[in-house]
mmCIF file of all heavy atoms, coordinates in Angstrom:
data_MODEL
# 
_entry.id   MODEL 
# 
loop_
_atom_site.group_PDB 
_atom_site.id 
_atom_site.type_symbol 
_atom_site.label_atom_id 
_atom_site.label_alt_id 
_atom_site.label_comp_id 
_atom_site.label_asym_id 
_atom_site.label_entity_id 
_atom_site.label_seq_id 
_atom_site.pdbx_PDB_ins_code 
_atom_site.Cartn_x 
_atom_site.Cartn_y 
_atom_site.Cartn_z 
_atom_site.occupancy 
_atom_site.B_iso_or_equiv 
_atom_site.pdbx_formal_charge 
_atom_site.auth_seq_id 
_atom_site.auth_comp_id 
_atom_site.auth_asym_id 
_atom_site.auth_atom_id 
_atom_site.pdbx_PDB_model_num 
ATOM 1   N N   . THR A 1 1  ? 106.808 118.120 115.624 1.00 0.00 ? 1  THR A N   1 
ATOM 2   C CA  . THR A 1 1  ? 107.530 117.750 114.383 1.00 0.00 ? 1  THR A CA  1 
ATOM 3   C C   . THR A 1 1  ? 107.177 116.389 113.983 1.00 0.00 ? 1  THR A C   1 
ATOM 4   O O   . THR A 1 1  ? 107.116 115.376 114.767 1.00 0.00 ? 1  THR A O   1 
ATOM 5   C CB  . THR A 1 1  ? 109.048 117.874 114.577 1.00 0.00 ? 1  THR A CB  1 
ATOM 6   O OG1 . THR A 1 1  ? 109.345 119.167 115.057 1.00 0.00 ? 1  THR A OG1 1 
ATOM 7   C CG2 . THR A 1 1  ? 109.852 117.577 113.326 1.00 0.00 ? 1  THR A CG2 1 
ATOM 8   N N   . VAL A 1 2  ? 106.914 116.217 112.599 1.00 0.00 ? 2  VAL A N   1 
ATOM 9   C CA  . VAL A 1 2  ? 106.660 114.913 111.991 1.00 0.00 ? 2  VAL A CA  1 
ATOM 10  C C   . VAL A 1 2  ? 107.799 114.644 111.000 1.00 0.00 ? 2  VAL A C   1 
ATOM 11  O O   . VAL A 1 2  ? 107.981 115.441 109.955 1.00 0.00 ? 2  VAL A O   1 
ATOM 12  C CB  . VAL A 1 2  ? 105.303 114.855 111.377 1.00 0.00 ? 2  VAL A CB  1 
ATOM 13  C CG1 . VAL A 1 2  ? 105.135 113.569 110.649 1.00 0.00 ? 2  VAL A CG1 1 
ATOM 14  C CG2 . VAL A 1 2  ? 104.173 115.021 112.361 1.00 0.00 ? 2  VAL A CG2 1 
ATOM 15  N N   . ARG A 1 3  ? 108.660 113.643 111.227 1.00 0.00 ? 3  ARG A N   1 
ATOM 16  C CA  . ARG A 1 3  ? 109.753 113.428 110.322 1.00 0.00 ? 3  ARG A CA  1 
ATOM 17  C C   . ARG A 1 3  ? 109.463 112.391 109.237 1.00 0.00 ? 3  ARG A C   1 
ATOM 18  O O   . ARG A 1 3  ? 110.082 112.428 108.168 1.00 0.00 ? 3  ARG A O   1 
ATOM 19  C CB  . ARG A 1 3  ? 110.928 112.902 111.164 1.00 0.00 ? 3  ARG A CB  1 
ATOM 20  C CG  . ARG A 1 3  ? 111.464 113.876 112.224 1.00 0.00 ? 3  ARG A CG  1 
ATOM 21  C CD  . ARG A 1 3  ? 112.713 113.319 112.911 1.00 0.00 ? 3  ARG A CD  1 
ATOM 22  N NE  . ARG A 1 3  ? 113.190 114.284 113.892 1.00 0.00 ? 3  ARG A NE  1 
ATOM 23  C CZ  . ARG A 1 3  ? 112.955 114.239 115.206 1.00 0.00 ? 3  ARG A CZ  1 
ATOM 24  N NH1 . ARG A 1 3  ? 112.108 113.292 115.598 1.00 0.00 ? 3  ARG A NH1 1 
ATOM 25  N NH2 . ARG A 1 3  ? 113.322 115.195 115.983 1.00 0.00 ? 3  ARG A NH2 1 
ATOM 26  N N   . ASP A 1 4  ? 108.571 111.439 109.432 1.00 0.00 ? 4  ASP A N   1 
ATOM 27  C CA  . ASP A 1 4  ? 108.211 110.477 108.367 1.00 0.00 ? 4  ASP A CA  1 
ATOM 28  C C   . ASP A 1 4  ? 106.905 109.843 108.689 1.00 0.00 ? 4  ASP A C   1 
ATOM 29  O O   . ASP A 1 4  ? 106.419 109.796 109.903 1.00 0.00 ? 4  ASP A O   1 
ATOM 30  C CB  . ASP A 1 4  ? 109.338 109.391 108.399 1.00 0.00 ? 4  ASP A CB  1 
ATOM 31  C CG  . ASP A 1 4  ? 109.286 108.528 107.042 1.00 0.00 ? 4  ASP A CG  1 
ATOM 32  O OD1 . ASP A 1 4  ? 108.499 108.964 106.177 1.00 0.00 ? 4  ASP A OD1 1 
ATOM 33  O OD2 . ASP A 1 4  ? 109.924 107.524 107.051 1.00 0.00 ? 4  ASP A OD2 1 
ATOM 34  N N   . VAL A 1 5  ? 106.279 109.360 107.597 1.00 0.00 ? 5  VAL A N   1 
ATOM 35  C CA  . VAL A 1 5  ? 104.899 108.630 107.817 1.00 0.00 ? 5  VAL A CA  1 
ATOM 36  C C   . VAL A 1 5  ? 105.025 107.364 106.929 1.00 0.00 ? 5  VAL A C   1 
ATOM 37  O O   . VAL A 1 5  ? 105.730 107.308 105.989 1.00 0.00 ? 5  VAL A O   1 
ATOM 38  C CB  . VAL A 1 5  ? 103.775 109.507 107.265 1.00 0.00 ? 5  VAL A CB  1 
ATOM 39  C CG1 . VAL A 1 5  ? 103.572 110.714 108.290 1.00 0.00 ? 5  VAL A CG1 1 
ATOM 40  C CG2 . VAL A 1 5  ? 104.016 110.031 105.836 1.00 0.00 ? 5  VAL A CG2 1 
ATOM 41  N N   . ARG A 1 6  ? 104.206 106.400 107.426 1.00 0.00 ? 6  ARG A N   1 
ATOM 42  C CA  . ARG A 1 6  ? 104.262 105.099 106.743 1.00 0.00 ? 6  ARG A CA  1 
ATOM 43  C C   . ARG A 1 6  ? 102.933 104.352 106.956 1.00 0.00 ? 6  ARG A C   1 
ATOM 44  O O   . ARG A 1 6  ? 102.513 104.298 108.146 1.00 0.00 ? 6  ARG A O   1 
ATOM 45  C CB  . ARG A 1 6  ? 105.435 104.196 107.188 1.00 0.00 ? 6  ARG A CB  1 
ATOM 46  C CG  . ARG A 1 6  ? 105.635 102.931 106.433 1.00 0.00 ? 6  ARG A CG  1 
ATOM 47  C CD  . ARG A 1 6  ? 106.142 103.220 105.110 1.00 0.00 ? 6  ARG A CD  1 
ATOM 48  N NE  . ARG A 1 6  ? 107.432 103.962 105.098 1.00 0.00 ? 6  ARG A NE  1 
ATOM 49  C CZ  . ARG A 1 6  ? 108.004 104.416 104.040 1.00 0.00 ? 6  ARG A CZ  1 
ATOM 50  N NH1 . ARG A 1 6  ? 107.460 104.195 102.902 1.00 0.00 ? 6  ARG A NH1 1 
ATOM 51  N NH2 . ARG A 1 6  ? 109.155 105.080 104.109 1.00 0.00 ? 6  ARG A NH2 1 
ATOM 52  N N   . TRP A 1 7  ? 102.358 103.807 105.840 1.00 0.00 ? 7  TRP A N   1 
ATOM 53  C CA  . TRP A 1 7  ? 101.174 102.989 105.953 1.00 0.00 ? 7  TRP A CA  1 
ATOM 54  C C   . TRP A 1 7  ? 101.656 101.659 106.539 1.00 0.00 ? 7  TRP A C   1 
ATOM 55  O O   . TRP A 1 7  ? 102.749 101.124 106.295 1.00 0.00 ? 7  TRP A O   1 
ATOM 56  C CB  . TRP A 1 7  ? 100.558 102.689 104.644 1.00 0.00 ? 7  TRP A CB  1 
ATOM 57  C CG  . TRP A 1 7  ? 99.711  103.815 104.068 1.00 0.00 ? 7  TRP A CG  1 
ATOM 58  C CD1 . TRP A 1 7  ? 100.026 104.662 103.033 1.00 0.00 ? 7  TRP A CD1 1 
ATOM 59  C CD2 . TRP A 1 7  ? 98.445  104.333 104.532 1.00 0.00 ? 7  TRP A CD2 1 
ATOM 60  N NE1 . TRP A 1 7  ? 99.068  105.544 102.831 1.00 0.00 ? 7  TRP A NE1 1 
ATOM 61  C CE2 . TRP A 1 7  ? 98.067  105.386 103.717 1.00 0.00 ? 7  TRP A CE2 1 
ATOM 62  C CE3 . TRP A 1 7  ? 97.578  103.960 105.628 1.00 0.00 ? 7  TRP A CE3 1 
ATOM 63  C CZ2 . TRP A 1 7  ? 96.919  106.069 103.895 1.00 0.00 ? 7  TRP A CZ2 1 
ATOM 64  C CZ3 . TRP A 1 7  ? 96.440  104.629 105.746 1.00 0.00 ? 7  TRP A CZ3 1 
ATOM 65  C CH2 . TRP A 1 7  ? 96.049  105.680 104.946 1.00 0.00 ? 7  TRP A CH2 1 
ATOM 66  N N   . LEU A 1 8  ? 100.729 100.940 107.336 1.00 0.00 ? 8  LEU A N   1 
ATOM 67  C CA  . LEU A 1 8  ? 100.972 99.604  107.803 1.00 0.00 ? 8  LEU A CA  1 
ATOM 68  C C   . LEU A 1 8  ? 100.445 98.537  106.878 1.00 0.00 ? 8  LEU A C   1 
ATOM 69  O O   . LEU A 1 8  ? 100.492 98.823  105.687 1.00 0.00 ? 8  LEU A O   1 
ATOM 70  C CB  . LEU A 1 8  ? 100.406 99.446  109.264 1.00 0.00 ? 8  LEU A CB  1 
ATOM 71  C CG  . LEU A 1 8  ? 101.122 100.424 110.312 1.00 0.00 ? 8  LEU A CG  1 
ATOM 72  C CD1 . LEU A 1 8  ? 100.592 100.079 111.668 1.00 0.00 ? 8  LEU A CD1 1 
ATOM 73  C CD2 . LEU A 1 8  ? 102.605 100.373 110.250 1.00 0.00 ? 8  LEU A CD2 1 
ATOM 74  N N   . HIS A 1 9  ? 99.826  97.522  107.316 1.00 0.00 ? 9  HIS A N   1 
ATOM 75  C CA  . HIS A 1 9  ? 99.423  96.440  106.520 1.00 0.00 ? 9  HIS A CA  1 
ATOM 76  C C   . HIS A 1 9  ? 98.262  96.750  105.541 1.00 0.00 ? 9  HIS A C   1 
ATOM 77  O O   . HIS A 1 9  ? 98.084  96.195  104.537 1.00 0.00 ? 9  HIS A O   1 
ATOM 78  C CB  . HIS A 1 9  ? 99.022  95.172  107.277 1.00 0.00 ? 9  HIS A CB  1 
ATOM 79  C CG  . HIS A 1 9  ? 98.004  95.449  108.299 1.00 0.00 ? 9  HIS A CG  1 
ATOM 80  N ND1 . HIS A 1 9  ? 98.218  95.962  109.470 1.00 0.00 ? 9  HIS A ND1 1 
ATOM 81  C CD2 . HIS A 1 9  ? 96.616  95.267  108.332 1.00 0.00 ? 9  HIS A CD2 1 
ATOM 82  C CE1 . HIS A 1 9  ? 97.117  96.136  110.219 1.00 0.00 ? 9  HIS A CE1 1 
ATOM 83  N NE2 . HIS A 1 9  ? 96.115  95.767  109.500 1.00 0.00 ? 9  HIS A NE2 1 
ATOM 84  N N   . ASN A 1 10 ? 97.408  97.765  105.846 1.00 0.00 ? 10 ASN A N   1 
ATOM 85  C CA  . ASN A 1 10 ? 96.389  98.292  104.992 1.00 0.00 ? 10 ASN A CA  1 
ATOM 86  C C   . ASN A 1 10 ? 96.174  99.759  105.329 1.00 0.00 ? 10 ASN A C   1 
ATOM 87  O O   . ASN A 1 10 ? 96.815  100.346 106.124 1.00 0.00 ? 10 ASN A O   1 
ATOM 88  C CB  . ASN A 1 10 ? 95.139  97.423  105.031 1.00 0.00 ? 10 ASN A CB  1 
ATOM 89  C CG  . ASN A 1 10 ? 94.605  97.208  106.495 1.00 0.00 ? 10 ASN A CG  1 
ATOM 90  O OD1 . ASN A 1 10 ? 94.851  98.070  107.322 1.00 0.00 ? 10 ASN A OD1 1 
ATOM 91  N ND2 . ASN A 1 10 ? 93.981  96.112  106.730 1.00 0.00 ? 10 ASN A ND2 1 
ATOM 92  N N   . ASN A 1 11 ? 95.031  100.269 104.831 1.00 0.00 ? 11 ASN A N   1 
ATOM 93  C CA  . ASN A 1 11 ? 94.754  101.719 104.945 1.00 0.00 ? 11 ASN A CA  1 
ATOM 94  C C   . ASN A 1 11 ? 94.035  101.996 106.291 1.00 0.00 ? 11 ASN A C   1 
ATOM 95  O O   . ASN A 1 11 ? 93.603  103.139 106.496 1.00 0.00 ? 11 ASN A O   1 
ATOM 96  C CB  . ASN A 1 11 ? 93.906  102.173 103.841 1.00 0.00 ? 11 ASN A CB  1 
ATOM 97  C CG  . ASN A 1 11 ? 92.539  101.515 103.767 1.00 0.00 ? 11 ASN A CG  1 
ATOM 98  O OD1 . ASN A 1 11 ? 92.457  100.267 103.838 1.00 0.00 ? 11 ASN A OD1 1 
ATOM 99  N ND2 . ASN A 1 11 ? 91.471  102.225 103.733 1.00 0.00 ? 11 ASN A ND2 1 
ATOM 100 N N   . THR A 1 12 ? 93.899  101.040 107.212 1.00 0.00 ? 12 THR A N   1 
ATOM 101 C CA  . THR A 1 12 ? 93.253  101.308 108.452 1.00 0.00 ? 12 THR A CA  1 
ATOM 102 C C   . THR A 1 12 ? 94.208  101.794 109.538 1.00 0.00 ? 12 THR A C   1 
ATOM 103 O O   . THR A 1 12 ? 93.748  102.292 110.534 1.00 0.00 ? 12 THR A O   1 
ATOM 104 C CB  . THR A 1 12 ? 92.613  100.032 108.920 1.00 0.00 ? 12 THR A CB  1 
ATOM 105 O OG1 . THR A 1 12 ? 93.565  98.976  109.028 1.00 0.00 ? 12 THR A OG1 1 
ATOM 106 C CG2 . THR A 1 12 ? 91.470  99.596  108.017 1.00 0.00 ? 12 THR A CG2 1 
ATOM 107 N N   . PHE A 1 13 ? 95.488  101.612 109.350 1.00 0.00 ? 13 PHE A N   1 
ATOM 108 C CA  . PHE A 1 13 ? 96.524  102.082 110.351 1.00 0.00 ? 13 PHE A CA  1 
ATOM 109 C C   . PHE A 1 13 ? 97.674  102.636 109.678 1.00 0.00 ? 13 PHE A C   1 
ATOM 110 O O   . PHE A 1 13 ? 98.027  102.172 108.561 1.00 0.00 ? 13 PHE A O   1 
ATOM 111 C CB  . PHE A 1 13 ? 96.930  100.833 111.151 1.00 0.00 ? 13 PHE A CB  1 
ATOM 112 C CG  . PHE A 1 13 ? 95.865  100.267 112.017 1.00 0.00 ? 13 PHE A CG  1 
ATOM 113 C CD1 . PHE A 1 13 ? 95.260  99.110  111.630 1.00 0.00 ? 13 PHE A CD1 1 
ATOM 114 C CD2 . PHE A 1 13 ? 95.500  100.816 113.249 1.00 0.00 ? 13 PHE A CD2 1 
ATOM 115 C CE1 . PHE A 1 13 ? 94.252  98.472  112.352 1.00 0.00 ? 13 PHE A CE1 1 
ATOM 116 C CE2 . PHE A 1 13 ? 94.492  100.262 114.012 1.00 0.00 ? 13 PHE A CE2 1 
ATOM 117 C CZ  . PHE A 1 13 ? 93.901  99.088  113.577 1.00 0.00 ? 13 PHE A CZ  1 
ATOM 118 N N   . PHE A 1 14 ? 98.307  103.654 110.242 1.00 0.00 ? 14 PHE A N   1 
ATOM 119 C CA  . PHE A 1 14 ? 99.505  104.270 109.808 1.00 0.00 ? 14 PHE A CA  1 
ATOM 120 C C   . PHE A 1 14 ? 100.309 104.759 110.901 1.00 0.00 ? 14 PHE A C   1 
ATOM 121 O O   . PHE A 1 14 ? 99.807  105.051 112.045 1.00 0.00 ? 14 PHE A O   1 
ATOM 122 C CB  . PHE A 1 14 ? 99.184  105.433 108.777 1.00 0.00 ? 14 PHE A CB  1 
ATOM 123 C CG  . PHE A 1 14 ? 98.513  106.587 109.339 1.00 0.00 ? 14 PHE A CG  1 
ATOM 124 C CD1 . PHE A 1 14 ? 99.241  107.638 109.922 1.00 0.00 ? 14 PHE A CD1 1 
ATOM 125 C CD2 . PHE A 1 14 ? 97.165  106.670 109.329 1.00 0.00 ? 14 PHE A CD2 1 
ATOM 126 C CE1 . PHE A 1 14 ? 98.585  108.776 110.399 1.00 0.00 ? 14 PHE A CE1 1 
ATOM 127 C CE2 . PHE A 1 14 ? 96.533  107.820 109.853 1.00 0.00 ? 14 PHE A CE2 1 
ATOM 128 C CZ  . PHE A 1 14 ? 97.216  108.822 110.387 1.00 0.00 ? 14 PHE A CZ  1 
ATOM 129 N N   . ALA A 1 15 ? 101.694 104.774 110.680 1.00 0.00 ? 15 ALA A N   1 
ATOM 130 C CA  . ALA A 1 15 ? 102.616 105.254 111.723 1.00 0.00 ? 15 ALA A CA  1 
ATOM 131 C C   . ALA A 1 15 ? 103.120 106.575 111.368 1.00 0.00 ? 15 ALA A C   1 
ATOM 132 O O   . ALA A 1 15 ? 103.444 106.866 110.219 1.00 0.00 ? 15 ALA A O   1 
ATOM 133 C CB  . ALA A 1 15 ? 103.757 104.179 111.824 1.00 0.00 ? 15 ALA A CB  1 
ATOM 134 N N   . ALA A 1 16 ? 103.434 107.348 112.396 1.00 0.00 ? 16 ALA A N   1 
ATOM 135 C CA  . ALA A 1 16 ? 104.003 108.710 112.218 1.00 0.00 ? 16 ALA A CA  1 
ATOM 136 C C   . ALA A 1 16 ? 105.240 108.828 113.176 1.00 0.00 ? 16 ALA A C   1 
ATOM 137 O O   . ALA A 1 16 ? 105.047 108.615 114.376 1.00 0.00 ? 16 ALA A O   1 
ATOM 138 C CB  . ALA A 1 16 ? 102.938 109.793 112.407 1.00 0.00 ? 16 ALA A CB  1 
ATOM 139 N N   . ALA A 1 17 ? 106.345 109.150 112.667 1.00 0.00 ? 17 ALA A N   1 
ATOM 140 C CA  . ALA A 1 17 ? 107.524 109.401 113.457 1.00 0.00 ? 17 ALA A CA  1 
ATOM 141 C C   . ALA A 1 17 ? 107.538 110.896 113.856 1.00 0.00 ? 17 ALA A C   1 
ATOM 142 O O   . ALA A 1 17 ? 107.835 111.740 113.071 1.00 0.00 ? 17 ALA A O   1 
ATOM 143 C CB  . ALA A 1 17 ? 108.830 109.043 112.664 1.00 0.00 ? 17 ALA A CB  1 
ATOM 144 N N   . GLN A 1 18 ? 107.233 111.108 115.064 1.00 0.00 ? 18 GLN A N   1 
ATOM 145 C CA  . GLN A 1 18 ? 107.134 112.531 115.545 1.00 0.00 ? 18 GLN A CA  1 
ATOM 146 C C   . GLN A 1 18 ? 108.341 112.968 116.313 1.00 0.00 ? 18 GLN A C   1 
ATOM 147 O O   . GLN A 1 18 ? 109.496 112.360 116.171 1.00 0.00 ? 18 GLN A O   1 
ATOM 148 C CB  . GLN A 1 18 ? 105.790 112.631 116.405 1.00 0.00 ? 18 GLN A CB  1 
ATOM 149 C CG  . GLN A 1 18 ? 104.579 112.267 115.535 1.00 0.00 ? 18 GLN A CG  1 
ATOM 150 C CD  . GLN A 1 18 ? 103.281 112.441 116.356 1.00 0.00 ? 18 GLN A CD  1 
ATOM 151 O OE1 . GLN A 1 18 ? 102.222 111.945 115.901 1.00 0.00 ? 18 GLN A OE1 1 
ATOM 152 N NE2 . GLN A 1 18 ? 103.311 113.071 117.520 1.00 0.00 ? 18 GLN A NE2 1 
ATOM 153 N N   . LYS A 1 19 ? 108.252 113.993 117.078 1.00 0.00 ? 19 LYS A N   1 
ATOM 154 C CA  . LYS A 1 19 ? 109.414 114.614 117.648 1.00 0.00 ? 19 LYS A CA  1 
ATOM 155 C C   . LYS A 1 19 ? 110.240 113.720 118.580 1.00 0.00 ? 19 LYS A C   1 
ATOM 156 O O   . LYS A 1 19 ? 111.433 113.650 118.360 1.00 0.00 ? 19 LYS A O   1 
ATOM 157 C CB  . LYS A 1 19 ? 108.961 115.891 118.456 1.00 0.00 ? 19 LYS A CB  1 
ATOM 158 C CG  . LYS A 1 19 ? 110.138 116.654 119.019 1.00 0.00 ? 19 LYS A CG  1 
ATOM 159 C CD  . LYS A 1 19 ? 109.663 117.926 119.721 1.00 0.00 ? 19 LYS A CD  1 
ATOM 160 C CE  . LYS A 1 19 ? 110.806 118.680 120.383 1.00 0.00 ? 19 LYS A CE  1 
ATOM 161 N NZ  . LYS A 1 19 ? 110.302 119.858 121.069 1.00 0.00 ? 19 LYS A NZ  1 
ATOM 162 N N   . LYS A 1 20 ? 109.602 112.962 119.394 1.00 0.00 ? 20 LYS A N   1 
ATOM 163 C CA  . LYS A 1 20 ? 110.323 112.095 120.311 1.00 0.00 ? 20 LYS A CA  1 
ATOM 164 C C   . LYS A 1 20 ? 109.969 110.626 120.056 1.00 0.00 ? 20 LYS A C   1 
ATOM 165 O O   . LYS A 1 20 ? 110.825 109.794 119.891 1.00 0.00 ? 20 LYS A O   1 
ATOM 166 C CB  . LYS A 1 20 ? 110.105 112.543 121.718 1.00 0.00 ? 20 LYS A CB  1 
ATOM 167 C CG  . LYS A 1 20 ? 110.898 111.652 122.729 1.00 0.00 ? 20 LYS A CG  1 
ATOM 168 C CD  . LYS A 1 20 ? 110.698 112.184 124.194 1.00 0.00 ? 20 LYS A CD  1 
ATOM 169 C CE  . LYS A 1 20 ? 111.593 111.379 125.174 1.00 0.00 ? 20 LYS A CE  1 
ATOM 170 N NZ  . LYS A 1 20 ? 111.420 111.824 126.588 1.00 0.00 ? 20 LYS A NZ  1 
ATOM 171 N N   . TYR A 1 21 ? 108.693 110.357 120.019 1.00 0.00 ? 21 TYR A N   1 
ATOM 172 C CA  . TYR A 1 21 ? 108.221 108.980 119.973 1.00 0.00 ? 21 TYR A CA  1 
ATOM 173 C C   . TYR A 1 21 ? 107.530 108.697 118.560 1.00 0.00 ? 21 TYR A C   1 
ATOM 174 O O   . TYR A 1 21 ? 107.291 109.629 117.813 1.00 0.00 ? 21 TYR A O   1 
ATOM 175 C CB  . TYR A 1 21 ? 107.173 108.599 121.053 1.00 0.00 ? 21 TYR A CB  1 
ATOM 176 C CG  . TYR A 1 21 ? 107.736 108.748 122.485 1.00 0.00 ? 21 TYR A CG  1 
ATOM 177 C CD1 . TYR A 1 21 ? 107.317 109.763 123.415 1.00 0.00 ? 21 TYR A CD1 1 
ATOM 178 C CD2 . TYR A 1 21 ? 108.718 107.854 122.929 1.00 0.00 ? 21 TYR A CD2 1 
ATOM 179 C CE1 . TYR A 1 21 ? 107.712 109.845 124.674 1.00 0.00 ? 21 TYR A CE1 1 
ATOM 180 C CE2 . TYR A 1 21 ? 109.249 108.057 124.266 1.00 0.00 ? 21 TYR A CE2 1 
ATOM 181 C CZ  . TYR A 1 21 ? 108.728 108.986 125.088 1.00 0.00 ? 21 TYR A CZ  1 
ATOM 182 O OH  . TYR A 1 21 ? 109.242 109.171 126.294 1.00 0.00 ? 21 TYR A OH  1 
ATOM 183 N N   . THR A 1 22 ? 107.278 107.495 118.301 1.00 0.00 ? 22 THR A N   1 
ATOM 184 C CA  . THR A 1 22 ? 106.565 107.056 117.165 1.00 0.00 ? 22 THR A CA  1 
ATOM 185 C C   . THR A 1 22 ? 105.119 106.660 117.537 1.00 0.00 ? 22 THR A C   1 
ATOM 186 O O   . THR A 1 22 ? 104.967 105.860 118.434 1.00 0.00 ? 22 THR A O   1 
ATOM 187 C CB  . THR A 1 22 ? 107.300 105.891 116.430 1.00 0.00 ? 22 THR A CB  1 
ATOM 188 O OG1 . THR A 1 22 ? 108.639 106.301 116.113 1.00 0.00 ? 22 THR A OG1 1 
ATOM 189 C CG2 . THR A 1 22 ? 106.567 105.467 115.201 1.00 0.00 ? 22 THR A CG2 1 
ATOM 190 N N   . TYR A 1 23 ? 104.121 107.156 116.830 1.00 0.00 ? 23 TYR A N   1 
ATOM 191 C CA  . TYR A 1 23 ? 102.726 106.957 117.148 1.00 0.00 ? 23 TYR A CA  1 
ATOM 192 C C   . TYR A 1 23 ? 102.136 106.151 115.973 1.00 0.00 ? 23 TYR A C   1 
ATOM 193 O O   . TYR A 1 23 ? 102.479 106.302 114.809 1.00 0.00 ? 23 TYR A O   1 
ATOM 194 C CB  . TYR A 1 23 ? 102.127 108.259 117.387 1.00 0.00 ? 23 TYR A CB  1 
ATOM 195 C CG  . TYR A 1 23 ? 102.514 109.042 118.589 1.00 0.00 ? 23 TYR A CG  1 
ATOM 196 C CD1 . TYR A 1 23 ? 103.636 109.921 118.497 1.00 0.00 ? 23 TYR A CD1 1 
ATOM 197 C CD2 . TYR A 1 23 ? 101.877 108.906 119.899 1.00 0.00 ? 23 TYR A CD2 1 
ATOM 198 C CE1 . TYR A 1 23 ? 104.145 110.576 119.662 1.00 0.00 ? 23 TYR A CE1 1 
ATOM 199 C CE2 . TYR A 1 23 ? 102.403 109.596 120.885 1.00 0.00 ? 23 TYR A CE2 1 
ATOM 200 C CZ  . TYR A 1 23 ? 103.490 110.379 120.833 1.00 0.00 ? 23 TYR A CZ  1 
ATOM 201 O OH  . TYR A 1 23 ? 103.898 111.177 121.856 1.00 0.00 ? 23 TYR A OH  1 
ATOM 202 N N   . ILE A 1 24 ? 101.063 105.387 116.378 1.00 0.00 ? 24 ILE A N   1 
ATOM 203 C CA  . ILE A 1 24 ? 100.255 104.671 115.342 1.00 0.00 ? 24 ILE A CA  1 
ATOM 204 C C   . ILE A 1 24 ? 98.865  105.150 115.575 1.00 0.00 ? 24 ILE A C   1 
ATOM 205 O O   . ILE A 1 24 ? 98.266  105.243 116.662 1.00 0.00 ? 24 ILE A O   1 
ATOM 206 C CB  . ILE A 1 24 ? 100.313 103.115 115.668 1.00 0.00 ? 24 ILE A CB  1 
ATOM 207 C CG1 . ILE A 1 24 ? 101.723 102.597 115.402 1.00 0.00 ? 24 ILE A CG1 1 
ATOM 208 C CG2 . ILE A 1 24 ? 99.336  102.372 114.747 1.00 0.00 ? 24 ILE A CG2 1 
ATOM 209 C CD1 . ILE A 1 24 ? 101.883 101.087 115.688 1.00 0.00 ? 24 ILE A CD1 1 
ATOM 210 N N   . TYR A 1 25 ? 98.291  105.580 114.380 1.00 0.00 ? 25 TYR A N   1 
ATOM 211 C CA  . TYR A 1 25 ? 96.912  106.122 114.344 1.00 0.00 ? 25 TYR A CA  1 
ATOM 212 C C   . TYR A 1 25 ? 96.087  105.167 113.419 1.00 0.00 ? 25 TYR A C   1 
ATOM 213 O O   . TYR A 1 25 ? 96.583  104.430 112.615 1.00 0.00 ? 25 TYR A O   1 
ATOM 214 C CB  . TYR A 1 25 ? 96.901  107.446 113.664 1.00 0.00 ? 25 TYR A CB  1 
ATOM 215 C CG  . TYR A 1 25 ? 97.728  108.487 114.505 1.00 0.00 ? 25 TYR A CG  1 
ATOM 216 C CD1 . TYR A 1 25 ? 99.118  108.673 114.189 1.00 0.00 ? 25 TYR A CD1 1 
ATOM 217 C CD2 . TYR A 1 25 ? 97.107  109.289 115.429 1.00 0.00 ? 25 TYR A CD2 1 
ATOM 218 C CE1 . TYR A 1 25 ? 99.858  109.645 114.906 1.00 0.00 ? 25 TYR A CE1 1 
ATOM 219 C CE2 . TYR A 1 25 ? 97.944  110.192 116.178 1.00 0.00 ? 25 TYR A CE2 1 
ATOM 220 C CZ  . TYR A 1 25 ? 99.283  110.400 115.896 1.00 0.00 ? 25 TYR A CZ  1 
ATOM 221 O OH  . TYR A 1 25 ? 99.956  111.257 116.584 1.00 0.00 ? 25 TYR A OH  1 
# 
């Protein structure tokens, strides 16, 4: 499950709020 997504300081990194933890890609 992915509940929310958000860009960080630029387009090279983004965060995804998944089922249990939050991941940075």
